[in-house]
Amino acid sequence: MDILAPNNEAHPASFALTGTLSGTATLFSATPWTSGMLDSYLGLSASPANPIGAYLPSTQALDPGATGFFVYQVNFSPAGGVTLQGPSNPNVSPLENISPGLPLASYIVGFLNEGTAASPNWKATANSGAIFDSRPPTTTTTRAVPEPASLALFGTALAGLGSLGRRRRKT
């Protein structure tokens, strides 16, 4: 699994992944990926192709200063393997938590070796299947929001005060 973080943002030394699988995604290179194909940057030969042009424009729409990505990698190869769900059964397994949170406009992609270590056959995430994080990072600041029942009670009290005021004027 690879995390693509915009190269103009502060980035951690690694990302901790917990959940169905666990591991640490570490920085692949101190030199960001800024051109060409992701598999070539990673020293692989994979299909389908992952050109930077498939990712960078969406990132730049949210983060105009980005010119490429820092790439983090984690290798999941647990004993017994992992079953990956198809598009008709998403959000079931594996499910992962990433800490710290991803920078805005980051991507998550993956490479799967269907061959062996001696004779690899790499399959890459299709560009359309990449996970794009377009949510601003969450903060720990919370704001109290009244519950619906409190709003209804407040509205009833205002209506009661209004009708009480009308009765007093008539008498």
N, C-alpha and C. Protein backbone atom coordinates (compact mmCIF):
# COMPACT_ATOMS: atom_id res chain seq x y z
N MET A 1 0.85 -1.16 0.00
CA MET A 1 0.00 0.00 0.00
C MET A 1 0.89 1.23 0.00
N ASP A 2 0.49 2.22 -0.77
CA ASP A 2 1.26 3.45 -0.87
C ASP A 2 0.40 4.65 -0.53
N ILE A 3 0.96 5.58 0.22
CA ILE A 3 0.30 6.84 0.54
C ILE A 3 1.04 7.93 -0.21
N LEU A 4 0.30 8.73 -0.97
CA LEU A 4 0.87 9.84 -1.72
C LEU A 4 0.46 11.13 -1.01
N ALA A 5 1.41 11.79 -0.38
CA ALA A 5 1.15 13.02 0.37
C ALA A 5 1.73 14.21 -0.40
N PRO A 6 0.95 15.31 -0.58
CA PRO A 6 1.46 16.46 -1.32
C PRO A 6 2.83 16.91 -0.79
N ASN A 7 3.74 17.21 -1.71
CA ASN A 7 5.12 17.48 -1.32
C ASN A 7 5.35 18.86 -0.72
N ASN A 8 4.34 19.72 -0.71
CA ASN A 8 4.52 21.05 -0.13
C ASN A 8 3.96 21.15 1.29
N GLU A 9 3.45 20.05 1.81
CA GLU A 9 2.88 20.05 3.16
C GLU A 9 3.84 19.41 4.14
N ALA A 10 3.70 19.79 5.41
CA ALA A 10 4.48 19.12 6.44
C ALA A 10 4.08 17.66 6.44
N HIS A 11 5.04 16.78 6.55
CA HIS A 11 4.74 15.36 6.50
C HIS A 11 5.51 14.63 7.59
N PRO A 12 4.89 13.63 8.18
CA PRO A 12 5.57 12.89 9.24
C PRO A 12 6.62 11.95 8.68
N ALA A 13 7.42 11.38 9.56
CA ALA A 13 8.42 10.41 9.13
C ALA A 13 7.75 9.11 8.69
N SER A 14 6.56 8.82 9.25
CA SER A 14 5.85 7.59 8.89
C SER A 14 4.38 7.72 9.27
N PHE A 15 3.59 6.75 8.81
CA PHE A 15 2.18 6.64 9.16
C PHE A 15 1.97 5.27 9.78
N ALA A 16 1.28 5.22 10.92
CA ALA A 16 0.95 3.95 11.56
C ALA A 16 -0.40 3.47 11.04
N LEU A 17 -0.47 2.22 10.62
CA LEU A 17 -1.72 1.63 10.16
C LEU A 17 -2.14 0.54 11.13
N THR A 18 -3.38 0.63 11.57
CA THR A 18 -3.94 -0.38 12.47
C THR A 18 -5.32 -0.74 11.96
N GLY A 19 -5.79 -1.89 12.33
CA GLY A 19 -7.10 -2.35 11.89
C GLY A 19 -7.01 -3.82 11.52
N THR A 20 -7.59 -4.18 10.37
CA THR A 20 -7.53 -5.56 9.91
C THR A 20 -6.08 -6.00 9.79
N LEU A 21 -5.25 -5.14 9.27
CA LEU A 21 -3.81 -5.39 9.15
C LEU A 21 -3.09 -4.30 9.93
N SER A 22 -1.83 -4.49 10.20
CA SER A 22 -1.09 -3.41 10.86
C SER A 22 0.30 -3.32 10.26
N GLY A 23 0.84 -2.13 10.35
CA GLY A 23 2.16 -1.88 9.82
C GLY A 23 2.49 -0.41 9.88
N THR A 24 3.67 -0.08 9.42
CA THR A 24 4.12 1.31 9.39
C THR A 24 4.50 1.67 7.96
N ALA A 25 3.85 2.70 7.44
CA ALA A 25 4.18 3.20 6.10
C ALA A 25 5.32 4.20 6.26
N THR A 26 6.47 3.88 5.66
CA THR A 26 7.65 4.74 5.77
C THR A 26 7.92 5.45 4.45
N LEU A 27 8.62 6.54 4.55
CA LEU A 27 8.95 7.36 3.38
C LEU A 27 9.83 6.56 2.43
N PHE A 28 9.39 6.45 1.17
CA PHE A 28 10.13 5.69 0.17
C PHE A 28 11.44 6.38 -0.20
N SER A 29 11.37 7.71 -0.39
CA SER A 29 12.56 8.47 -0.79
C SER A 29 12.41 9.91 -0.31
N ALA A 30 13.53 10.53 0.02
CA ALA A 30 13.50 11.94 0.40
C ALA A 30 13.23 12.83 -0.81
N THR A 31 13.35 12.26 -2.00
CA THR A 31 13.05 12.99 -3.23
C THR A 31 11.62 12.70 -3.63
N PRO A 32 10.76 13.71 -3.72
CA PRO A 32 9.36 13.44 -4.05
C PRO A 32 9.18 12.99 -5.50
N TRP A 33 8.06 12.32 -5.73
CA TRP A 33 7.65 11.90 -7.07
C TRP A 33 7.01 13.11 -7.74
N THR A 34 7.62 13.60 -8.83
CA THR A 34 7.13 14.82 -9.49
C THR A 34 6.87 14.64 -10.98
N SER A 35 7.21 13.49 -11.54
CA SER A 35 6.97 13.28 -12.98
C SER A 35 6.97 11.79 -13.30
N GLY A 36 6.44 11.47 -14.46
CA GLY A 36 6.48 10.09 -14.94
C GLY A 36 5.46 9.20 -14.27
N MET A 37 5.79 7.90 -14.25
CA MET A 37 4.90 6.86 -13.73
C MET A 37 5.30 6.47 -12.31
N LEU A 38 4.30 6.19 -11.49
CA LEU A 38 4.56 5.81 -10.10
C LEU A 38 5.34 4.50 -10.02
N ASP A 39 4.99 3.51 -10.84
CA ASP A 39 5.72 2.24 -10.77
C ASP A 39 7.20 2.42 -11.09
N SER A 40 7.51 3.25 -12.07
CA SER A 40 8.92 3.52 -12.41
C SER A 40 9.64 4.21 -11.25
N TYR A 41 8.96 5.18 -10.64
CA TYR A 41 9.53 5.88 -9.48
C TYR A 41 9.86 4.88 -8.37
N LEU A 42 8.98 3.87 -8.20
CA LEU A 42 9.17 2.87 -7.15
C LEU A 42 10.09 1.73 -7.56
N GLY A 43 10.54 1.74 -8.83
CA GLY A 43 11.43 0.68 -9.30
C GLY A 43 10.70 -0.60 -9.65
N LEU A 44 9.42 -0.49 -10.03
CA LEU A 44 8.60 -1.64 -10.39
C LEU A 44 8.19 -1.53 -11.85
N SER A 45 7.59 -2.59 -12.33
CA SER A 45 6.90 -2.58 -13.62
C SER A 45 5.51 -3.12 -13.34
N ALA A 46 4.50 -2.25 -13.42
CA ALA A 46 3.14 -2.64 -13.04
C ALA A 46 2.13 -2.22 -14.10
N SER A 47 0.98 -2.83 -14.00
CA SER A 47 -0.13 -2.51 -14.89
C SER A 47 -1.38 -2.42 -14.04
N PRO A 48 -2.25 -1.45 -14.25
CA PRO A 48 -2.18 -0.39 -15.25
C PRO A 48 -1.19 0.69 -14.83
N ALA A 49 -0.93 1.58 -15.78
CA ALA A 49 0.01 2.68 -15.55
C ALA A 49 -0.60 3.69 -14.58
N ASN A 50 0.25 4.30 -13.77
CA ASN A 50 -0.16 5.35 -12.84
C ASN A 50 0.65 6.61 -13.09
N PRO A 51 0.28 7.40 -14.13
CA PRO A 51 1.02 8.62 -14.41
C PRO A 51 0.71 9.71 -13.38
N ILE A 52 1.66 10.57 -13.13
CA ILE A 52 1.44 11.64 -12.15
C ILE A 52 0.27 12.52 -12.55
N GLY A 53 0.02 12.63 -13.86
CA GLY A 53 -1.10 13.44 -14.34
C GLY A 53 -2.46 12.90 -13.94
N ALA A 54 -2.52 11.67 -13.48
CA ALA A 54 -3.79 11.11 -13.00
C ALA A 54 -4.09 11.55 -11.57
N TYR A 55 -3.10 12.08 -10.86
CA TYR A 55 -3.26 12.43 -9.45
C TYR A 55 -3.04 13.92 -9.17
N LEU A 56 -2.03 14.49 -9.75
CA LEU A 56 -1.62 15.85 -9.39
C LEU A 56 -2.69 16.91 -9.65
N PRO A 57 -3.43 16.90 -10.77
CA PRO A 57 -4.43 17.95 -10.98
C PRO A 57 -5.49 18.03 -9.88
N SER A 58 -5.98 16.88 -9.40
CA SER A 58 -6.97 16.91 -8.31
C SER A 58 -6.36 17.44 -7.03
N THR A 59 -5.12 17.06 -6.77
CA THR A 59 -4.44 17.56 -5.58
C THR A 59 -4.25 19.07 -5.68
N GLN A 60 -3.82 19.55 -6.84
CA GLN A 60 -3.59 20.99 -7.01
C GLN A 60 -4.88 21.80 -6.93
N ALA A 61 -6.03 21.19 -7.23
CA ALA A 61 -7.30 21.91 -7.09
C ALA A 61 -7.56 22.26 -5.62
N LEU A 62 -7.09 21.42 -4.70
CA LEU A 62 -7.26 21.69 -3.27
C LEU A 62 -6.01 22.27 -2.63
N ASP A 63 -4.87 22.02 -3.23
CA ASP A 63 -3.59 22.45 -2.67
C ASP A 63 -2.71 22.94 -3.83
N PRO A 64 -2.94 24.18 -4.28
CA PRO A 64 -2.26 24.68 -5.49
C PRO A 64 -0.74 24.67 -5.44
N GLY A 65 -0.14 24.64 -4.27
CA GLY A 65 1.32 24.67 -4.16
C GLY A 65 1.99 23.32 -4.38
N ALA A 66 1.22 22.25 -4.45
CA ALA A 66 1.80 20.92 -4.62
C ALA A 66 2.37 20.75 -6.02
N THR A 67 3.56 20.17 -6.11
CA THR A 67 4.18 19.88 -7.41
C THR A 67 4.47 18.39 -7.56
N GLY A 68 4.11 17.62 -6.57
CA GLY A 68 4.34 16.18 -6.59
C GLY A 68 3.93 15.60 -5.26
N PHE A 69 4.45 14.40 -4.96
CA PHE A 69 4.05 13.68 -3.76
C PHE A 69 5.25 13.03 -3.07
N PHE A 70 5.22 13.05 -1.73
CA PHE A 70 6.08 12.17 -0.97
C PHE A 70 5.34 10.84 -0.91
N VAL A 71 6.05 9.76 -1.17
CA VAL A 71 5.44 8.44 -1.24
C VAL A 71 5.87 7.62 -0.02
N TYR A 72 4.87 7.08 0.68
CA TYR A 72 5.10 6.22 1.84
C TYR A 72 4.63 4.82 1.47
N GLN A 73 5.36 3.81 1.92
CA GLN A 73 5.00 2.43 1.61
C GLN A 73 4.91 1.57 2.86
N VAL A 74 3.94 0.67 2.85
CA VAL A 74 3.84 -0.38 3.86
C VAL A 74 3.57 -1.67 3.10
N ASN A 75 4.22 -2.74 3.54
CA ASN A 75 4.06 -4.04 2.90
C ASN A 75 3.22 -4.92 3.81
N PHE A 76 2.03 -5.26 3.35
CA PHE A 76 1.16 -6.19 4.07
C PHE A 76 1.33 -7.57 3.46
N SER A 77 1.89 -8.49 4.20
CA SER A 77 2.00 -9.87 3.72
C SER A 77 1.86 -10.80 4.91
N PRO A 78 0.67 -10.81 5.52
CA PRO A 78 0.47 -11.66 6.69
C PRO A 78 0.41 -13.13 6.32
N ALA A 79 0.77 -13.98 7.27
CA ALA A 79 0.66 -15.42 7.05
C ALA A 79 -0.80 -15.76 6.79
N GLY A 80 -1.06 -16.54 5.80
CA GLY A 80 -2.43 -16.90 5.46
C GLY A 80 -3.06 -15.96 4.45
N GLY A 81 -2.41 -14.84 4.18
CA GLY A 81 -2.91 -13.91 3.16
C GLY A 81 -4.06 -13.05 3.62
N VAL A 82 -4.56 -12.25 2.71
CA VAL A 82 -5.64 -11.31 2.97
C VAL A 82 -6.61 -11.40 1.80
N THR A 83 -7.89 -11.42 2.09
CA THR A 83 -8.90 -11.38 1.03
C THR A 83 -9.28 -9.93 0.79
N LEU A 84 -9.11 -9.47 -0.42
CA LEU A 84 -9.50 -8.11 -0.78
C LEU A 84 -10.90 -8.15 -1.36
N GLN A 85 -11.75 -7.26 -0.91
CA GLN A 85 -13.13 -7.22 -1.38
C GLN A 85 -13.21 -6.55 -2.73
N GLY A 86 -14.17 -6.96 -3.52
CA GLY A 86 -14.40 -6.37 -4.83
C GLY A 86 -15.25 -5.11 -4.72
N PRO A 87 -15.41 -4.38 -5.82
CA PRO A 87 -16.19 -3.14 -5.80
C PRO A 87 -17.64 -3.34 -5.38
N SER A 88 -18.19 -4.54 -5.56
CA SER A 88 -19.58 -4.78 -5.17
C SER A 88 -19.74 -4.98 -3.66
N ASN A 89 -18.64 -5.07 -2.93
CA ASN A 89 -18.69 -5.32 -1.49
C ASN A 89 -17.67 -4.43 -0.76
N PRO A 90 -17.77 -3.12 -0.93
CA PRO A 90 -16.76 -2.23 -0.32
C PRO A 90 -16.97 -2.07 1.18
N ASN A 91 -15.98 -1.48 1.82
CA ASN A 91 -16.03 -1.10 3.24
C ASN A 91 -16.29 -2.27 4.17
N VAL A 92 -15.81 -3.46 3.81
CA VAL A 92 -16.01 -4.62 4.66
C VAL A 92 -14.67 -5.03 5.28
N SER A 93 -13.71 -5.35 4.45
CA SER A 93 -12.42 -5.79 4.95
C SER A 93 -11.43 -5.78 3.79
N PRO A 94 -10.21 -5.45 3.97
CA PRO A 94 -9.64 -4.95 5.21
C PRO A 94 -10.01 -3.48 5.45
N LEU A 95 -10.14 -3.12 6.70
CA LEU A 95 -10.40 -1.74 7.10
C LEU A 95 -9.22 -1.26 7.92
N GLU A 96 -8.74 -0.07 7.62
CA GLU A 96 -7.53 0.44 8.26
C GLU A 96 -7.75 1.82 8.86
N ASN A 97 -7.01 2.10 9.94
CA ASN A 97 -6.92 3.42 10.53
C ASN A 97 -5.51 3.92 10.26
N ILE A 98 -5.40 5.20 9.92
CA ILE A 98 -4.09 5.78 9.62
C ILE A 98 -3.83 6.92 10.58
N SER A 99 -2.65 6.87 11.22
CA SER A 99 -2.29 7.90 12.18
C SER A 99 -0.84 8.32 11.94
N PRO A 100 -0.53 9.60 11.92
CA PRO A 100 -1.46 10.71 12.03
C PRO A 100 -2.34 10.79 10.79
N GLY A 101 -3.35 11.64 10.82
CA GLY A 101 -4.25 11.79 9.69
C GLY A 101 -3.50 12.23 8.43
N LEU A 102 -4.07 11.89 7.30
CA LEU A 102 -3.45 12.25 6.02
C LEU A 102 -3.56 13.75 5.75
N PRO A 103 -2.54 14.32 5.12
CA PRO A 103 -2.67 15.72 4.69
C PRO A 103 -3.78 15.84 3.64
N LEU A 104 -4.42 16.98 3.58
CA LEU A 104 -5.45 17.24 2.58
C LEU A 104 -4.90 16.95 1.19
N ALA A 105 -5.72 16.33 0.34
CA ALA A 105 -5.40 16.04 -1.06
C ALA A 105 -4.37 14.92 -1.23
N SER A 106 -4.33 14.00 -0.27
CA SER A 106 -3.47 12.82 -0.36
C SER A 106 -4.23 11.70 -1.07
N TYR A 107 -3.48 10.73 -1.54
CA TYR A 107 -4.05 9.54 -2.18
C TYR A 107 -3.57 8.29 -1.48
N ILE A 108 -4.37 7.23 -1.59
CA ILE A 108 -3.96 5.90 -1.18
C ILE A 108 -4.12 5.00 -2.40
N VAL A 109 -3.04 4.30 -2.74
CA VAL A 109 -3.05 3.36 -3.86
C VAL A 109 -2.39 2.07 -3.40
N GLY A 110 -2.41 1.06 -4.23
CA GLY A 110 -1.79 -0.19 -3.85
C GLY A 110 -1.18 -0.91 -5.03
N PHE A 111 -0.24 -1.76 -4.72
CA PHE A 111 0.39 -2.64 -5.70
C PHE A 111 0.31 -4.05 -5.13
N LEU A 112 -0.10 -4.98 -5.97
CA LEU A 112 -0.25 -6.37 -5.58
C LEU A 112 0.63 -7.24 -6.47
N ASN A 113 1.49 -8.04 -5.86
CA ASN A 113 2.34 -8.95 -6.62
C ASN A 113 1.61 -10.28 -6.78
N GLU A 114 1.15 -10.54 -8.00
CA GLU A 114 0.48 -11.82 -8.28
C GLU A 114 1.47 -12.90 -8.68
N GLY A 115 2.73 -12.53 -8.74
CA GLY A 115 3.78 -13.50 -9.07
C GLY A 115 4.50 -13.94 -7.82
N THR A 116 5.80 -14.12 -7.96
CA THR A 116 6.65 -14.52 -6.83
C THR A 116 7.70 -13.43 -6.63
N ALA A 117 8.46 -13.56 -5.55
CA ALA A 117 9.54 -12.60 -5.32
C ALA A 117 10.57 -12.68 -6.44
N ALA A 118 10.84 -13.88 -6.92
CA ALA A 118 11.83 -14.06 -7.98
C ALA A 118 11.30 -13.63 -9.34
N SER A 119 10.01 -13.78 -9.55
CA SER A 119 9.39 -13.42 -10.83
C SER A 119 8.11 -12.63 -10.57
N PRO A 120 8.26 -11.33 -10.18
CA PRO A 120 7.08 -10.55 -9.81
C PRO A 120 6.17 -10.22 -10.99
N ASN A 121 4.89 -10.10 -10.70
CA ASN A 121 3.87 -9.68 -11.66
C ASN A 121 2.99 -8.67 -10.93
N TRP A 122 3.40 -7.40 -11.00
CA TRP A 122 2.76 -6.35 -10.22
C TRP A 122 1.49 -5.84 -10.89
N LYS A 123 0.42 -5.74 -10.08
CA LYS A 123 -0.84 -5.12 -10.50
C LYS A 123 -1.00 -3.86 -9.67
N ALA A 124 -1.32 -2.76 -10.34
CA ALA A 124 -1.46 -1.48 -9.67
C ALA A 124 -2.93 -1.11 -9.54
N THR A 125 -3.23 -0.27 -8.58
CA THR A 125 -4.57 0.29 -8.46
C THR A 125 -4.87 1.08 -9.72
N ALA A 126 -6.04 0.87 -10.31
CA ALA A 126 -6.45 1.71 -11.44
C ALA A 126 -6.58 3.14 -10.94
N ASN A 127 -6.26 4.09 -11.78
CA ASN A 127 -6.34 5.49 -11.37
C ASN A 127 -7.71 5.83 -10.80
N SER A 128 -8.76 5.28 -11.40
CA SER A 128 -10.13 5.56 -10.94
C SER A 128 -10.43 4.88 -9.60
N GLY A 129 -9.62 3.92 -9.19
CA GLY A 129 -9.84 3.21 -7.93
C GLY A 129 -9.03 3.75 -6.77
N ALA A 130 -8.21 4.76 -7.01
CA ALA A 130 -7.40 5.34 -5.93
C ALA A 130 -8.32 6.04 -4.93
N ILE A 131 -7.92 6.04 -3.67
CA ILE A 131 -8.67 6.75 -2.63
C ILE A 131 -8.08 8.15 -2.52
N PHE A 132 -8.92 9.16 -2.70
CA PHE A 132 -8.50 10.56 -2.65
C PHE A 132 -9.08 11.19 -1.40
N ASP A 133 -8.24 11.74 -0.55
CA ASP A 133 -8.71 12.36 0.68
C ASP A 133 -8.91 13.85 0.44
N SER A 134 -10.17 14.22 0.24
CA SER A 134 -10.49 15.63 -0.03
C SER A 134 -11.07 16.31 1.20
N ARG A 135 -11.07 15.63 2.35
CA ARG A 135 -11.58 16.22 3.58
C ARG A 135 -10.47 16.97 4.30
N PRO A 136 -10.79 18.15 4.81
CA PRO A 136 -9.78 18.83 5.63
C PRO A 136 -9.47 17.98 6.86
N PRO A 137 -8.24 18.04 7.37
CA PRO A 137 -7.92 17.27 8.57
C PRO A 137 -8.84 17.64 9.72
N THR A 138 -9.17 16.67 10.54
CA THR A 138 -10.04 16.93 11.69
C THR A 138 -9.23 17.61 12.78
N THR A 139 -9.95 18.35 13.60
CA THR A 139 -9.30 19.00 14.74
C THR A 139 -9.94 18.48 16.01
N THR A 140 -9.31 18.78 17.13
CA THR A 140 -9.85 18.34 18.41
C THR A 140 -10.81 19.37 18.99
N THR A 141 -10.99 20.50 18.34
CA THR A 141 -11.90 21.52 18.82
C THR A 141 -13.33 21.06 18.56
N THR A 142 -14.16 21.10 19.60
CA THR A 142 -15.56 20.73 19.44
C THR A 142 -16.43 21.93 19.78
N ARG A 143 -17.59 21.94 19.22
CA ARG A 143 -18.53 23.02 19.46
C ARG A 143 -19.84 22.40 19.89
N ALA A 144 -20.45 22.94 20.93
CA ALA A 144 -21.73 22.42 21.40
C ALA A 144 -22.81 22.77 20.40
N VAL A 145 -23.59 21.79 20.03
CA VAL A 145 -24.70 21.98 19.12
C VAL A 145 -25.95 21.50 19.83
N PRO A 146 -27.00 22.34 19.90
CA PRO A 146 -28.19 21.89 20.61
C PRO A 146 -28.85 20.72 19.90
N GLU A 147 -29.39 19.82 20.70
CA GLU A 147 -30.09 18.68 20.12
C GLU A 147 -31.46 19.13 19.62
N PRO A 148 -32.10 18.42 18.72
CA PRO A 148 -33.39 18.83 18.17
C PRO A 148 -34.47 19.01 19.22
N ALA A 149 -34.52 18.19 20.26
CA ALA A 149 -35.55 18.32 21.29
C ALA A 149 -35.40 19.65 22.03
N SER A 150 -34.16 20.09 22.28
CA SER A 150 -33.94 21.36 22.96
C SER A 150 -34.43 22.51 22.09
N LEU A 151 -34.19 22.43 20.78
CA LEU A 151 -34.66 23.48 19.88
C LEU A 151 -36.18 23.53 19.86
N ALA A 152 -36.84 22.37 19.85
CA ALA A 152 -38.30 22.34 19.86
C ALA A 152 -38.85 22.94 21.15
N LEU A 153 -38.25 22.61 22.28
CA LEU A 153 -38.67 23.15 23.58
C LEU A 153 -38.48 24.67 23.61
N PHE A 154 -37.34 25.14 23.09
CA PHE A 154 -37.07 26.57 23.04
C PHE A 154 -38.11 27.28 22.16
N GLY A 155 -38.42 26.70 21.01
CA GLY A 155 -39.42 27.28 20.10
C GLY A 155 -40.79 27.33 20.74
N THR A 156 -41.18 26.28 21.48
CA THR A 156 -42.47 26.26 22.17
C THR A 156 -42.51 27.35 23.24
N ALA A 157 -41.42 27.54 23.96
CA ALA A 157 -41.36 28.58 25.00
C ALA A 157 -41.51 29.96 24.38
N LEU A 158 -40.86 30.20 23.25
CA LEU A 158 -41.00 31.50 22.58
C LEU A 158 -42.44 31.73 22.13
N ALA A 159 -43.07 30.70 21.57
CA ALA A 159 -44.47 30.84 21.12
C ALA A 159 -45.38 31.12 22.31
N GLY A 160 -45.13 30.44 23.44
CA GLY A 160 -45.94 30.67 24.65
C GLY A 160 -45.77 32.08 25.17
N LEU A 161 -44.56 32.59 25.17
CA LEU A 161 -44.33 33.97 25.61
C LEU A 161 -45.01 34.97 24.68
N GLY A 162 -44.97 34.66 23.38
CA GLY A 162 -45.63 35.54 22.42
C GLY A 162 -47.14 35.58 22.62
N SER A 163 -47.78 34.44 22.87
CA SER A 163 -49.23 34.43 23.07
C SER A 163 -49.59 35.05 24.42
N LEU A 164 -48.77 34.90 25.44
CA LEU A 164 -48.98 35.53 26.72
C LEU A 164 -48.94 37.05 26.59
N GLY A 165 -48.01 37.53 25.79
CA GLY A 165 -47.93 38.97 25.56
C GLY A 165 -49.16 39.50 24.85
N ARG A 166 -49.74 38.76 23.93
CA ARG A 166 -50.96 39.18 23.21
C ARG A 166 -52.14 39.23 24.17
N ARG A 167 -52.27 38.27 25.05
CA ARG A 167 -53.39 38.25 26.01
C ARG A 167 -53.34 39.46 26.93
N ARG A 168 -52.19 39.83 27.37
CA ARG A 168 -52.06 40.97 28.29
C ARG A 168 -52.44 42.26 27.61
N ARG A 169 -52.13 42.41 26.33
CA ARG A 169 -52.48 43.64 25.61
C ARG A 169 -53.98 43.76 25.41
N LYS A 170 -54.72 42.64 25.21
CA LYS A 170 -56.17 42.67 24.98
C LYS A 170 -56.93 43.03 26.22
N THR A 171 -56.45 42.79 27.38
CA THR A 171 -57.20 43.06 28.62
C THR A 171 -56.91 44.39 29.19
